[in-house]
Amino acid sequence: MVTNETLLHKNPKTGKPQVIGLGWLDDSMTPHGPTEEDKNYIADTGVTQADVNTQVAAYKASMVALIKKVVPMGGYWWQLMDGGGNKLAGKKVAAAQCEATLKQMCVDKPPAWNRMTMFNIPHGGKGLKQPQLLDYTAEFLLTRGPYAMLGYSWYGCTGSAAAGGGASPDPPRATQWDMDLGVPAGACKSAGGGKFTRSYSKATVGWDCAAGHGTVTVK
């Protein structure tokens, strides 16, 4: 995977390093067979469960070796990212659990900030209106670290209707995504009563665990 066409790539005109990422390493090996493949892999190939377990172990060993090679070179790929940033928005979370979750996040430099984090809005945001999108946005702004992104993961192969690529409409877009809210002054803090806030240079972000919703107020 580390070749002259990826991390070792050089600009053909200047000869200077021009790193190309490893792309989307989407497949993995599981005890039920490989992902992105037919679910009847075990039956169709005639392998035993012990065979599959050996394949899983080999896959994991390959990934560990790849991490040790790629990360020191400044490389990256999808599975190295924490895809579980979204813990509140769109979920039925009890107020007590919500408060416990945010108390872990609303501290100076929480451990989760050490990883690149994806705050994924599921199902391409189908059926969501601005109030729901605001919740996803507020949670992201409230708890995100220095390496994070909010948006949609897999949305299909046909392209959007707006781009002329198919019949699928573009996923919904939160109003706040087109606003300059500035930069955070620090991590979020507890305001008491199950409420949490985070100050940005141009906005104040909040989450009310009792109500189960977030807010973004422009200063």
N, C-alpha and C. Protein backbone atom coordinates (compact mmCIF):
# COMPACT_ATOMS: atom_id res chain seq x y z
N MET A 1 0.81 -1.21 0.00
CA MET A 1 0.00 0.00 0.00
C MET A 1 0.86 1.27 0.00
N VAL A 2 2.03 1.19 0.61
CA VAL A 2 2.94 2.33 0.61
C VAL A 2 3.82 2.22 -0.63
N THR A 3 3.46 2.97 -1.65
CA THR A 3 4.15 2.89 -2.94
C THR A 3 4.41 4.29 -3.47
N ASN A 4 5.01 4.34 -4.66
CA ASN A 4 5.25 5.63 -5.31
C ASN A 4 3.97 6.29 -5.77
N GLU A 5 2.88 5.54 -5.72
CA GLU A 5 1.59 6.11 -6.10
C GLU A 5 0.80 6.61 -4.89
N THR A 6 1.34 6.42 -3.68
CA THR A 6 0.66 6.90 -2.48
C THR A 6 1.60 7.78 -1.68
N LEU A 7 2.03 7.30 -0.50
CA LEU A 7 2.80 8.14 0.41
C LEU A 7 4.19 8.51 -0.12
N LEU A 8 4.72 7.71 -1.03
CA LEU A 8 6.05 7.99 -1.58
C LEU A 8 5.99 8.75 -2.90
N HIS A 9 4.82 9.20 -3.28
CA HIS A 9 4.63 9.86 -4.57
C HIS A 9 5.41 11.17 -4.64
N LYS A 10 5.95 11.44 -5.82
CA LYS A 10 6.65 12.71 -6.07
C LYS A 10 6.01 13.42 -7.26
N ASN A 11 6.01 14.72 -7.17
CA ASN A 11 5.47 15.52 -8.28
C ASN A 11 6.28 15.25 -9.53
N PRO A 12 5.65 14.81 -10.62
CA PRO A 12 6.40 14.45 -11.83
C PRO A 12 7.14 15.61 -12.47
N LYS A 13 6.71 16.84 -12.17
CA LYS A 13 7.37 18.01 -12.77
C LYS A 13 8.50 18.55 -11.90
N THR A 14 8.24 18.62 -10.59
CA THR A 14 9.23 19.21 -9.70
C THR A 14 10.12 18.18 -9.02
N GLY A 15 9.64 16.94 -8.94
CA GLY A 15 10.39 15.91 -8.25
C GLY A 15 10.29 15.98 -6.74
N LYS A 16 9.50 16.91 -6.25
CA LYS A 16 9.33 17.06 -4.80
C LYS A 16 8.25 16.12 -4.28
N PRO A 17 8.35 15.71 -3.02
CA PRO A 17 7.33 14.81 -2.45
C PRO A 17 5.93 15.41 -2.55
N GLN A 18 4.98 14.61 -2.97
CA GLN A 18 3.59 15.03 -3.09
C GLN A 18 2.74 13.85 -2.61
N VAL A 19 2.56 13.80 -1.31
CA VAL A 19 1.93 12.63 -0.68
C VAL A 19 0.49 12.46 -1.14
N ILE A 20 0.14 11.24 -1.51
CA ILE A 20 -1.23 10.89 -1.84
C ILE A 20 -1.70 9.87 -0.79
N GLY A 21 -2.86 10.11 -0.22
CA GLY A 21 -3.36 9.26 0.84
C GLY A 21 -3.65 7.84 0.38
N LEU A 22 -3.92 6.97 1.36
CA LEU A 22 -4.19 5.57 1.06
C LEU A 22 -5.61 5.35 0.56
N GLY A 23 -6.42 6.41 0.55
CA GLY A 23 -7.78 6.26 0.06
C GLY A 23 -8.69 5.68 1.12
N TRP A 24 -9.75 5.07 0.69
CA TRP A 24 -10.78 4.56 1.59
C TRP A 24 -10.59 3.07 1.75
N LEU A 25 -9.90 2.66 2.82
CA LEU A 25 -9.72 1.24 3.09
C LEU A 25 -10.97 0.74 3.79
N ASP A 26 -11.99 0.46 3.03
CA ASP A 26 -13.32 0.23 3.59
C ASP A 26 -13.52 -1.20 4.07
N ASP A 27 -12.86 -2.15 3.45
CA ASP A 27 -13.10 -3.55 3.78
C ASP A 27 -12.34 -3.98 5.03
N SER A 28 -12.89 -4.95 5.72
CA SER A 28 -12.20 -5.56 6.85
C SER A 28 -12.64 -7.01 6.97
N MET A 29 -11.89 -7.78 7.73
CA MET A 29 -12.22 -9.18 7.92
C MET A 29 -12.83 -9.37 9.30
N THR A 30 -13.99 -10.02 9.36
CA THR A 30 -14.70 -10.23 10.62
C THR A 30 -14.94 -11.73 10.84
N PRO A 31 -15.34 -12.14 12.04
CA PRO A 31 -15.64 -13.56 12.29
C PRO A 31 -16.77 -14.10 11.42
N HIS A 32 -17.53 -13.22 10.79
CA HIS A 32 -18.62 -13.65 9.91
C HIS A 32 -18.22 -13.61 8.43
N GLY A 33 -16.97 -13.20 8.18
CA GLY A 33 -16.51 -13.07 6.80
C GLY A 33 -16.14 -11.64 6.49
N PRO A 34 -15.68 -11.36 5.28
CA PRO A 34 -15.27 -10.01 4.91
C PRO A 34 -16.47 -9.08 4.76
N THR A 35 -16.26 -7.83 5.12
CA THR A 35 -17.30 -6.83 4.90
C THR A 35 -17.37 -6.50 3.42
N GLU A 36 -18.42 -5.84 3.01
CA GLU A 36 -18.63 -5.43 1.62
C GLU A 36 -18.73 -6.63 0.67
N GLU A 37 -18.96 -7.82 1.22
CA GLU A 37 -19.05 -9.02 0.39
C GLU A 37 -20.35 -9.77 0.70
N ASP A 38 -20.62 -10.79 -0.06
CA ASP A 38 -21.81 -11.60 0.14
C ASP A 38 -21.82 -12.20 1.54
N LYS A 39 -22.97 -12.20 2.20
CA LYS A 39 -23.07 -12.68 3.57
C LYS A 39 -22.84 -14.19 3.71
N ASN A 40 -22.88 -14.91 2.59
CA ASN A 40 -22.70 -16.36 2.62
C ASN A 40 -21.26 -16.79 2.37
N TYR A 41 -20.31 -15.92 2.66
CA TYR A 41 -18.90 -16.18 2.41
C TYR A 41 -18.45 -17.52 3.00
N ILE A 42 -18.78 -17.77 4.26
CA ILE A 42 -18.30 -18.99 4.93
C ILE A 42 -18.85 -20.24 4.25
N ALA A 43 -20.15 -20.23 3.99
CA ALA A 43 -20.76 -21.40 3.36
C ALA A 43 -20.27 -21.58 1.92
N ASP A 44 -20.14 -20.50 1.19
CA ASP A 44 -19.75 -20.59 -0.23
C ASP A 44 -18.31 -21.04 -0.41
N THR A 45 -17.44 -20.65 0.52
CA THR A 45 -16.02 -21.00 0.36
C THR A 45 -15.67 -22.32 1.04
N GLY A 46 -16.55 -22.79 1.94
CA GLY A 46 -16.29 -24.05 2.61
C GLY A 46 -15.26 -23.97 3.72
N VAL A 47 -14.92 -22.77 4.17
CA VAL A 47 -13.96 -22.62 5.25
C VAL A 47 -14.62 -22.95 6.58
N THR A 48 -13.81 -23.31 7.55
CA THR A 48 -14.31 -23.54 8.90
C THR A 48 -14.24 -22.23 9.68
N GLN A 49 -14.88 -22.22 10.84
CA GLN A 49 -14.82 -21.02 11.67
C GLN A 49 -13.39 -20.77 12.13
N ALA A 50 -12.64 -21.87 12.35
CA ALA A 50 -11.24 -21.72 12.74
C ALA A 50 -10.45 -21.04 11.62
N ASP A 51 -10.76 -21.41 10.36
CA ASP A 51 -10.10 -20.76 9.22
C ASP A 51 -10.39 -19.26 9.22
N VAL A 52 -11.65 -18.91 9.43
CA VAL A 52 -12.03 -17.49 9.42
C VAL A 52 -11.34 -16.75 10.55
N ASN A 53 -11.27 -17.36 11.73
CA ASN A 53 -10.59 -16.73 12.85
C ASN A 53 -9.13 -16.45 12.54
N THR A 54 -8.51 -17.39 11.82
CA THR A 54 -7.12 -17.19 11.40
C THR A 54 -7.00 -16.02 10.43
N GLN A 55 -7.98 -15.92 9.54
CA GLN A 55 -7.98 -14.81 8.58
C GLN A 55 -8.19 -13.47 9.29
N VAL A 56 -9.05 -13.45 10.31
CA VAL A 56 -9.27 -12.23 11.08
C VAL A 56 -7.98 -11.81 11.78
N ALA A 57 -7.28 -12.77 12.38
CA ALA A 57 -6.03 -12.48 13.07
C ALA A 57 -4.99 -11.94 12.09
N ALA A 58 -4.94 -12.52 10.89
CA ALA A 58 -4.00 -12.06 9.87
C ALA A 58 -4.33 -10.64 9.42
N TYR A 59 -5.62 -10.37 9.26
CA TYR A 59 -6.04 -9.03 8.86
C TYR A 59 -5.62 -8.00 9.92
N LYS A 60 -5.87 -8.32 11.19
CA LYS A 60 -5.52 -7.39 12.27
C LYS A 60 -4.01 -7.16 12.33
N ALA A 61 -3.25 -8.22 12.12
CA ALA A 61 -1.79 -8.09 12.13
C ALA A 61 -1.31 -7.19 11.00
N SER A 62 -1.97 -7.32 9.85
CA SER A 62 -1.61 -6.47 8.71
C SER A 62 -1.92 -5.01 9.00
N MET A 63 -3.06 -4.76 9.65
CA MET A 63 -3.44 -3.39 9.97
C MET A 63 -2.49 -2.77 10.99
N VAL A 64 -2.05 -3.55 11.98
CA VAL A 64 -1.10 -3.05 12.96
C VAL A 64 0.21 -2.68 12.27
N ALA A 65 0.66 -3.55 11.37
CA ALA A 65 1.89 -3.27 10.64
C ALA A 65 1.75 -2.02 9.78
N LEU A 66 0.57 -1.86 9.19
CA LEU A 66 0.33 -0.69 8.34
C LEU A 66 0.34 0.59 9.17
N ILE A 67 -0.28 0.54 10.36
CA ILE A 67 -0.29 1.71 11.25
C ILE A 67 1.14 2.11 11.61
N LYS A 68 1.95 1.13 11.98
CA LYS A 68 3.33 1.42 12.38
C LYS A 68 4.15 2.01 11.24
N LYS A 69 3.78 1.68 10.02
CA LYS A 69 4.49 2.21 8.86
C LYS A 69 3.97 3.57 8.43
N VAL A 70 2.65 3.70 8.41
CA VAL A 70 2.02 4.87 7.79
C VAL A 70 1.99 6.10 8.70
N VAL A 71 1.62 5.89 9.96
CA VAL A 71 1.44 7.04 10.85
C VAL A 71 2.71 7.86 11.02
N PRO A 72 3.89 7.26 11.24
CA PRO A 72 5.10 8.08 11.34
C PRO A 72 5.42 8.86 10.07
N MET A 73 4.86 8.41 8.94
CA MET A 73 5.09 9.12 7.68
C MET A 73 4.07 10.25 7.47
N GLY A 74 3.18 10.41 8.44
CA GLY A 74 2.17 11.45 8.28
C GLY A 74 0.95 10.99 7.51
N GLY A 75 0.82 9.68 7.30
CA GLY A 75 -0.31 9.15 6.55
C GLY A 75 -1.50 8.87 7.43
N TYR A 76 -2.62 8.56 6.77
CA TYR A 76 -3.87 8.37 7.51
C TYR A 76 -4.85 7.61 6.64
N TRP A 77 -5.85 6.99 7.30
CA TRP A 77 -6.96 6.43 6.55
C TRP A 77 -8.18 6.32 7.46
N TRP A 78 -9.31 5.99 6.88
CA TRP A 78 -10.61 6.10 7.52
C TRP A 78 -10.71 5.39 8.86
N GLN A 79 -10.23 4.14 8.94
CA GLN A 79 -10.41 3.38 10.17
C GLN A 79 -9.62 3.90 11.36
N LEU A 80 -8.69 4.80 11.14
CA LEU A 80 -7.95 5.39 12.25
C LEU A 80 -8.75 6.50 12.93
N MET A 81 -9.87 6.85 12.36
CA MET A 81 -10.70 7.92 12.90
C MET A 81 -11.75 7.36 13.86
N ASP A 82 -12.06 8.12 14.89
CA ASP A 82 -13.15 7.76 15.81
C ASP A 82 -14.45 8.23 15.17
N GLY A 83 -15.29 7.27 14.82
CA GLY A 83 -16.55 7.62 14.15
C GLY A 83 -17.71 7.80 15.10
N GLY A 84 -17.44 7.83 16.41
CA GLY A 84 -18.52 7.90 17.38
C GLY A 84 -18.65 9.23 18.09
N GLY A 85 -18.42 10.32 17.39
CA GLY A 85 -18.51 11.63 18.02
C GLY A 85 -19.91 11.99 18.49
N ASN A 86 -20.90 11.60 17.70
CA ASN A 86 -22.28 11.93 18.01
C ASN A 86 -22.84 10.98 19.06
N LYS A 87 -23.11 11.49 20.26
CA LYS A 87 -23.62 10.66 21.35
C LYS A 87 -24.99 11.11 21.86
N LEU A 88 -25.45 12.29 21.47
CA LEU A 88 -26.69 12.82 22.02
C LEU A 88 -27.73 13.14 20.95
N ALA A 89 -27.34 13.91 19.95
CA ALA A 89 -28.30 14.36 18.94
C ALA A 89 -28.93 13.19 18.21
N GLY A 90 -30.25 13.24 18.07
CA GLY A 90 -30.96 12.20 17.35
C GLY A 90 -31.13 10.91 18.12
N LYS A 91 -30.73 10.90 19.38
CA LYS A 91 -30.83 9.69 20.19
C LYS A 91 -31.73 9.97 21.41
N LYS A 92 -32.35 8.94 21.92
CA LYS A 92 -33.17 9.07 23.13
C LYS A 92 -32.27 8.77 24.33
N VAL A 93 -31.66 9.82 24.86
CA VAL A 93 -30.73 9.68 25.97
C VAL A 93 -31.36 10.27 27.22
N ALA A 94 -31.40 9.49 28.28
CA ALA A 94 -31.94 9.99 29.54
C ALA A 94 -31.12 11.16 30.05
N ALA A 95 -31.77 12.07 30.77
CA ALA A 95 -31.10 13.27 31.24
C ALA A 95 -29.87 12.95 32.08
N ALA A 96 -29.98 11.94 32.94
CA ALA A 96 -28.85 11.57 33.79
C ALA A 96 -27.67 11.05 32.97
N GLN A 97 -27.96 10.24 31.96
CA GLN A 97 -26.90 9.72 31.10
C GLN A 97 -26.28 10.83 30.28
N CYS A 98 -27.11 11.74 29.80
CA CYS A 98 -26.63 12.90 29.04
C CYS A 98 -25.66 13.72 29.90
N GLU A 99 -26.05 13.97 31.14
CA GLU A 99 -25.21 14.77 32.02
C GLU A 99 -23.89 14.06 32.31
N ALA A 100 -23.95 12.75 32.53
CA ALA A 100 -22.73 11.98 32.79
C ALA A 100 -21.80 12.01 31.58
N THR A 101 -22.37 11.90 30.40
CA THR A 101 -21.57 11.92 29.16
C THR A 101 -20.87 13.26 28.99
N LEU A 102 -21.61 14.35 29.17
CA LEU A 102 -21.02 15.67 28.96
C LEU A 102 -20.04 16.06 30.06
N LYS A 103 -20.22 15.54 31.27
CA LYS A 103 -19.26 15.81 32.33
C LYS A 103 -17.91 15.20 32.01
N GLN A 104 -17.91 14.10 31.25
CA GLN A 104 -16.65 13.50 30.83
C GLN A 104 -15.99 14.31 29.73
N MET A 105 -16.81 14.98 28.91
CA MET A 105 -16.28 15.75 27.79
C MET A 105 -15.93 17.18 28.17
N CYS A 106 -16.68 17.74 29.12
CA CYS A 106 -16.50 19.16 29.45
C CYS A 106 -15.44 19.34 30.52
N VAL A 107 -14.24 18.94 30.19
CA VAL A 107 -13.05 19.12 31.04
C VAL A 107 -11.95 19.65 30.14
N ASP A 108 -10.91 20.18 30.73
CA ASP A 108 -9.79 20.68 29.93
C ASP A 108 -9.13 19.53 29.17
N LYS A 109 -9.08 19.65 27.86
CA LYS A 109 -8.42 18.67 27.00
C LYS A 109 -8.85 17.23 27.28
N PRO A 110 -10.10 16.90 27.05
CA PRO A 110 -10.55 15.52 27.26
C PRO A 110 -9.79 14.55 26.37
N PRO A 111 -9.59 13.30 26.81
CA PRO A 111 -8.82 12.32 26.04
C PRO A 111 -9.34 12.14 24.61
N ALA A 112 -10.65 12.30 24.40
CA ALA A 112 -11.22 12.11 23.06
C ALA A 112 -10.64 13.08 22.05
N TRP A 113 -10.10 14.20 22.53
CA TRP A 113 -9.54 15.20 21.61
C TRP A 113 -8.24 14.73 20.96
N ASN A 114 -7.67 13.66 21.45
CA ASN A 114 -6.41 13.17 20.88
C ASN A 114 -6.62 12.45 19.56
N ARG A 115 -7.88 12.19 19.20
CA ARG A 115 -8.16 11.46 17.97
C ARG A 115 -8.97 12.31 17.00
N MET A 116 -8.78 12.06 15.73
CA MET A 116 -9.65 12.63 14.72
C MET A 116 -11.04 12.03 14.91
N THR A 117 -12.07 12.87 14.98
CA THR A 117 -13.41 12.39 15.29
C THR A 117 -14.42 12.81 14.24
N MET A 118 -15.23 11.85 13.84
CA MET A 118 -16.31 12.10 12.89
C MET A 118 -17.63 12.17 13.65
N PHE A 119 -18.33 13.29 13.51
CA PHE A 119 -19.69 13.44 14.03
C PHE A 119 -20.63 13.18 12.85
N ASN A 120 -21.09 11.95 12.75
CA ASN A 120 -21.85 11.54 11.58
C ASN A 120 -23.35 11.70 11.78
N ILE A 121 -24.00 12.34 10.81
CA ILE A 121 -25.45 12.43 10.80
C ILE A 121 -25.94 11.23 9.99
N PRO A 122 -26.64 10.28 10.60
CA PRO A 122 -26.97 9.02 9.92
C PRO A 122 -27.99 9.17 8.81
N HIS A 123 -27.98 8.18 7.91
CA HIS A 123 -28.96 8.05 6.83
C HIS A 123 -29.02 9.27 5.91
N GLY A 124 -27.88 9.93 5.75
CA GLY A 124 -27.86 11.08 4.86
C GLY A 124 -28.77 12.20 5.30
N GLY A 125 -29.16 12.21 6.58
CA GLY A 125 -30.02 13.26 7.09
C GLY A 125 -31.44 13.22 6.56
N LYS A 126 -31.83 12.08 6.00
CA LYS A 126 -33.16 11.97 5.39
C LYS A 126 -34.26 12.31 6.39
N GLY A 127 -35.12 13.24 6.01
CA GLY A 127 -36.26 13.63 6.83
C GLY A 127 -35.96 14.64 7.91
N LEU A 128 -34.71 15.03 8.08
CA LEU A 128 -34.37 15.97 9.14
C LEU A 128 -34.69 17.41 8.73
N LYS A 129 -35.19 18.18 9.68
CA LYS A 129 -35.46 19.59 9.49
C LYS A 129 -34.44 20.41 10.28
N GLN A 130 -34.53 21.72 10.17
CA GLN A 130 -33.54 22.58 10.81
C GLN A 130 -33.42 22.36 12.33
N PRO A 131 -34.51 22.15 13.08
CA PRO A 131 -34.33 21.92 14.52
C PRO A 131 -33.48 20.69 14.84
N GLN A 132 -33.66 19.61 14.06
CA GLN A 132 -32.85 18.41 14.29
C GLN A 132 -31.39 18.64 13.87
N LEU A 133 -31.20 19.33 12.75
CA LEU A 133 -29.85 19.63 12.30
C LEU A 133 -29.13 20.54 13.29
N LEU A 134 -29.89 21.42 13.95
CA LEU A 134 -29.31 22.29 14.97
C LEU A 134 -28.77 21.46 16.13
N ASP A 135 -29.49 20.41 16.52
CA ASP A 135 -29.01 19.55 17.59
C ASP A 135 -27.68 18.91 17.25
N TYR A 136 -27.58 18.36 16.03
CA TYR A 136 -26.31 17.74 15.61
C TYR A 136 -25.19 18.78 15.60
N THR A 137 -25.51 19.97 15.12
CA THR A 137 -24.51 21.03 15.03
C THR A 137 -24.08 21.49 16.42
N ALA A 138 -25.05 21.64 17.33
CA ALA A 138 -24.74 22.11 18.68
C ALA A 138 -23.86 21.10 19.42
N GLU A 139 -24.18 19.81 19.29
CA GLU A 139 -23.36 18.81 19.97
C GLU A 139 -21.94 18.81 19.43
N PHE A 140 -21.82 18.93 18.12
CA PHE A 140 -20.50 19.00 17.49
C PHE A 140 -19.70 20.18 18.03
N LEU A 141 -20.30 21.36 18.01
CA LEU A 141 -19.60 22.57 18.45
C LEU A 141 -19.30 22.52 19.95
N LEU A 142 -20.16 21.87 20.70
CA LEU A 142 -19.98 21.81 22.14
C LEU A 142 -18.82 20.91 22.54
N THR A 143 -18.67 19.77 21.87
CA THR A 143 -17.72 18.75 22.35
C THR A 143 -16.55 18.49 21.43
N ARG A 144 -16.52 19.05 20.26
CA ARG A 144 -15.46 18.73 19.30
C ARG A 144 -14.09 19.16 19.81
N GLY A 145 -13.07 18.40 19.38
CA GLY A 145 -11.70 18.75 19.67
C GLY A 145 -11.09 19.45 18.47
N PRO A 146 -9.76 19.56 18.44
CA PRO A 146 -9.09 20.26 17.33
C PRO A 146 -9.11 19.50 16.01
N TYR A 147 -9.40 18.20 16.05
CA TYR A 147 -9.43 17.38 14.84
C TYR A 147 -10.79 16.71 14.74
N ALA A 148 -11.71 17.33 14.04
CA ALA A 148 -13.08 16.79 14.01
C ALA A 148 -13.81 17.31 12.78
N MET A 149 -14.84 16.56 12.39
CA MET A 149 -15.68 17.03 11.30
C MET A 149 -17.11 16.54 11.50
N LEU A 150 -18.03 17.33 10.99
CA LEU A 150 -19.46 17.04 11.09
C LEU A 150 -20.03 16.91 9.70
N GLY A 151 -20.85 15.90 9.49
CA GLY A 151 -21.48 15.78 8.18
C GLY A 151 -22.02 14.39 7.95
N TYR A 152 -21.96 13.97 6.70
CA TYR A 152 -22.55 12.69 6.31
C TYR A 152 -21.48 11.73 5.85
N SER A 153 -21.64 10.48 6.24
CA SER A 153 -20.71 9.45 5.79
C SER A 153 -21.16 8.95 4.42
N TRP A 154 -21.63 7.73 4.35
CA TRP A 154 -22.02 7.15 3.06
C TRP A 154 -23.36 7.69 2.60
N TYR A 155 -23.41 8.14 1.35
CA TYR A 155 -24.66 8.71 0.84
C TYR A 155 -25.10 8.08 -0.47
N GLY A 156 -24.41 7.04 -0.92
CA GLY A 156 -24.83 6.37 -2.15
C GLY A 156 -23.91 6.67 -3.32
N CYS A 157 -24.17 6.00 -4.44
CA CYS A 157 -23.27 6.08 -5.59
C CYS A 157 -23.79 6.95 -6.73
N THR A 158 -25.03 7.40 -6.67
CA THR A 158 -25.63 8.01 -7.86
C THR A 158 -25.41 9.50 -7.98
N GLY A 159 -24.87 10.15 -6.95
CA GLY A 159 -24.71 11.58 -7.03
C GLY A 159 -26.00 12.29 -6.67
N SER A 160 -25.98 13.61 -6.70
CA SER A 160 -27.14 14.37 -6.28
C SER A 160 -27.93 14.89 -7.48
N ALA A 161 -29.19 15.16 -7.21
CA ALA A 161 -30.04 15.71 -8.27
C ALA A 161 -29.57 17.10 -8.67
N ALA A 162 -29.08 17.86 -7.68
CA ALA A 162 -28.63 19.23 -7.95
C ALA A 162 -27.43 19.24 -8.90
N ALA A 163 -26.61 18.19 -8.79
CA ALA A 163 -25.42 18.13 -9.65
C ALA A 163 -25.70 17.41 -10.97
N GLY A 164 -26.93 17.00 -11.14
CA GLY A 164 -27.28 16.31 -12.37
C GLY A 164 -26.80 14.88 -12.41
N GLY A 165 -26.45 14.33 -11.24
CA GLY A 165 -25.88 12.99 -11.22
C GLY A 165 -26.85 11.88 -10.90
N GLY A 166 -28.09 12.20 -10.65
CA GLY A 166 -29.04 11.14 -10.30
C GLY A 166 -30.27 11.72 -9.66
N ALA A 167 -31.09 10.84 -9.15
CA ALA A 167 -32.37 11.28 -8.61
C ALA A 167 -32.31 11.62 -7.12
N SER A 168 -31.21 11.30 -6.45
CA SER A 168 -31.14 11.54 -5.01
C SER A 168 -30.99 13.02 -4.72
N PRO A 169 -31.80 13.57 -3.84
CA PRO A 169 -31.65 14.99 -3.48
C PRO A 169 -30.41 15.20 -2.63
N ASP A 170 -29.89 16.40 -2.63
CA ASP A 170 -28.77 16.70 -1.75
C ASP A 170 -29.20 16.52 -0.31
N PRO A 171 -28.32 16.05 0.57
CA PRO A 171 -28.67 15.93 1.98
C PRO A 171 -28.92 17.32 2.56
N PRO A 172 -29.75 17.43 3.60
CA PRO A 172 -30.08 18.74 4.16
C PRO A 172 -28.86 19.42 4.76
N ARG A 173 -28.89 20.73 4.78
CA ARG A 173 -27.77 21.54 5.25
C ARG A 173 -28.23 22.47 6.37
N ALA A 174 -27.57 22.38 7.51
CA ALA A 174 -27.94 23.23 8.63
C ALA A 174 -27.61 24.68 8.34
N THR A 175 -28.46 25.57 8.79
CA THR A 175 -28.23 27.00 8.60
C THR A 175 -26.89 27.43 9.16
N GLN A 176 -26.52 26.89 10.31
CA GLN A 176 -25.29 27.31 11.00
C GLN A 176 -24.02 26.93 10.24
N TRP A 177 -24.13 25.99 9.30
CA TRP A 177 -22.94 25.57 8.56
C TRP A 177 -22.41 26.67 7.64
N ASP A 178 -23.25 27.62 7.34
CA ASP A 178 -22.83 28.73 6.47
C ASP A 178 -22.60 30.01 7.26
N MET A 179 -22.44 29.88 8.58
CA MET A 179 -22.20 31.03 9.44
C MET A 179 -20.80 30.97 10.03
N ASP A 180 -20.19 32.12 10.20
CA ASP A 180 -18.89 32.20 10.86
C ASP A 180 -19.13 32.36 12.35
N LEU A 181 -18.91 31.29 13.10
CA LEU A 181 -19.14 31.31 14.54
C LEU A 181 -17.85 31.53 15.33
N GLY A 182 -16.75 31.72 14.63
CA GLY A 182 -15.49 32.00 15.30
C GLY A 182 -14.81 30.75 15.81
N VAL A 183 -13.97 30.92 16.82
CA VAL A 183 -13.19 29.82 17.38
C VAL A 183 -13.52 29.67 18.87
N PRO A 184 -13.40 28.45 19.41
CA PRO A 184 -13.74 28.24 20.82
C PRO A 184 -12.71 28.85 21.75
N ALA A 185 -13.19 29.32 22.91
CA ALA A 185 -12.29 29.89 23.91
C ALA A 185 -11.69 28.81 24.79
N GLY A 186 -12.24 27.61 24.72
CA GLY A 186 -11.78 26.50 25.53
C GLY A 186 -12.78 25.37 25.43
N ALA A 187 -12.70 24.42 26.34
CA ALA A 187 -13.64 23.30 26.34
C ALA A 187 -14.98 23.75 26.90
N CYS A 188 -15.99 22.88 26.76
CA CYS A 188 -17.31 23.19 27.31
C CYS A 188 -17.27 23.10 28.83
N LYS A 189 -18.28 23.70 29.46
CA LYS A 189 -18.33 23.73 30.92
C LYS A 189 -19.76 23.45 31.38
N SER A 190 -19.88 22.94 32.58
CA SER A 190 -21.19 22.71 33.17
C SER A 190 -21.73 24.02 33.72
N ALA A 191 -22.98 24.31 33.39
CA ALA A 191 -23.63 25.51 33.91
C ALA A 191 -24.60 25.15 35.03
N GLY A 192 -24.60 23.86 35.44
CA GLY A 192 -25.49 23.38 36.49
C GLY A 192 -26.85 23.01 35.95
N GLY A 193 -27.55 22.16 36.67
CA GLY A 193 -28.90 21.78 36.26
C GLY A 193 -28.96 21.00 34.97
N GLY A 194 -27.89 20.29 34.64
CA GLY A 194 -27.89 19.51 33.42
C GLY A 194 -27.69 20.33 32.16
N LYS A 195 -27.21 21.56 32.32
CA LYS A 195 -26.96 22.43 31.17
C LYS A 195 -25.46 22.64 31.01
N PHE A 196 -25.03 22.67 29.75
CA PHE A 196 -23.61 22.81 29.44
C PHE A 196 -23.44 23.87 28.36
N THR A 197 -22.37 24.63 28.43
CA THR A 197 -22.14 25.70 27.46
C THR A 197 -20.68 25.71 27.00
N ARG A 198 -20.48 26.29 25.86
CA ARG A 198 -19.13 26.52 25.34
C ARG A 198 -19.12 27.84 24.60
N SER A 199 -18.15 28.66 24.91
CA SER A 199 -18.08 29.98 24.31
C SER A 199 -17.18 29.98 23.08
N TYR A 200 -17.71 30.49 21.99
CA TYR A 200 -16.94 30.75 20.79
C TYR A 200 -16.78 32.26 20.65
N SER A 201 -15.83 32.70 19.83
CA SER A 201 -15.59 34.13 19.71
C SER A 201 -16.79 34.88 19.13
N LYS A 202 -17.64 34.17 18.39
CA LYS A 202 -18.78 34.85 17.77
C LYS A 202 -20.12 34.20 18.13
N ALA A 203 -20.10 33.22 19.04
CA ALA A 203 -21.34 32.53 19.38
C ALA A 203 -21.20 31.82 20.72
N THR A 204 -22.33 31.47 21.29
CA THR A 204 -22.37 30.64 22.49
C THR A 204 -23.17 29.39 22.17
N VAL A 205 -22.59 28.24 22.50
CA VAL A 205 -23.22 26.96 22.21
C VAL A 205 -23.67 26.33 23.52
N GLY A 206 -24.84 25.70 23.50
CA GLY A 206 -25.33 25.08 24.73
C GLY A 206 -26.04 23.78 24.48
N TRP A 207 -26.18 22.98 25.55
CA TRP A 207 -26.97 21.75 25.50
C TRP A 207 -27.71 21.60 26.82
N ASP A 208 -29.00 21.35 26.74
CA ASP A 208 -29.85 21.16 27.90
C ASP A 208 -30.25 19.69 27.97
N CYS A 209 -29.70 18.97 28.95
CA CYS A 209 -29.95 17.53 29.04
C CYS A 209 -31.41 17.22 29.35
N ALA A 210 -32.06 18.06 30.12
CA ALA A 210 -33.47 17.83 30.45
C ALA A 210 -34.34 17.96 29.21
N ALA A 211 -34.05 18.95 28.39
CA ALA A 211 -34.82 19.17 27.17
C ALA A 211 -34.39 18.25 26.05
N GLY A 212 -33.13 17.81 26.10
CA GLY A 212 -32.60 16.93 25.06
C GLY A 212 -32.29 17.66 23.77
N HIS A 213 -31.98 18.95 23.86
CA HIS A 213 -31.70 19.75 22.66
C HIS A 213 -30.55 20.71 22.90
N GLY A 214 -29.98 21.16 21.78
CA GLY A 214 -28.88 22.10 21.84
C GLY A 214 -29.26 23.45 21.27
N THR A 215 -28.41 24.43 21.52
CA THR A 215 -28.64 25.79 21.01
C THR A 215 -27.34 26.37 20.48
N VAL A 216 -27.46 27.26 19.53
CA VAL A 216 -26.33 28.03 19.01
C VAL A 216 -26.81 29.46 18.92
N THR A 217 -26.26 30.32 19.76
CA THR A 217 -26.67 31.72 19.83
C THR A 217 -25.54 32.61 19.36
N VAL A 218 -25.79 33.34 18.30
CA VAL A 218 -24.77 34.26 17.76
C VAL A 218 -24.65 35.47 18.66
N LYS A 219 -23.42 35.85 18.97
CA LYS A 219 -23.20 37.02 19.83
C LYS A 219 -23.46 38.31 19.06
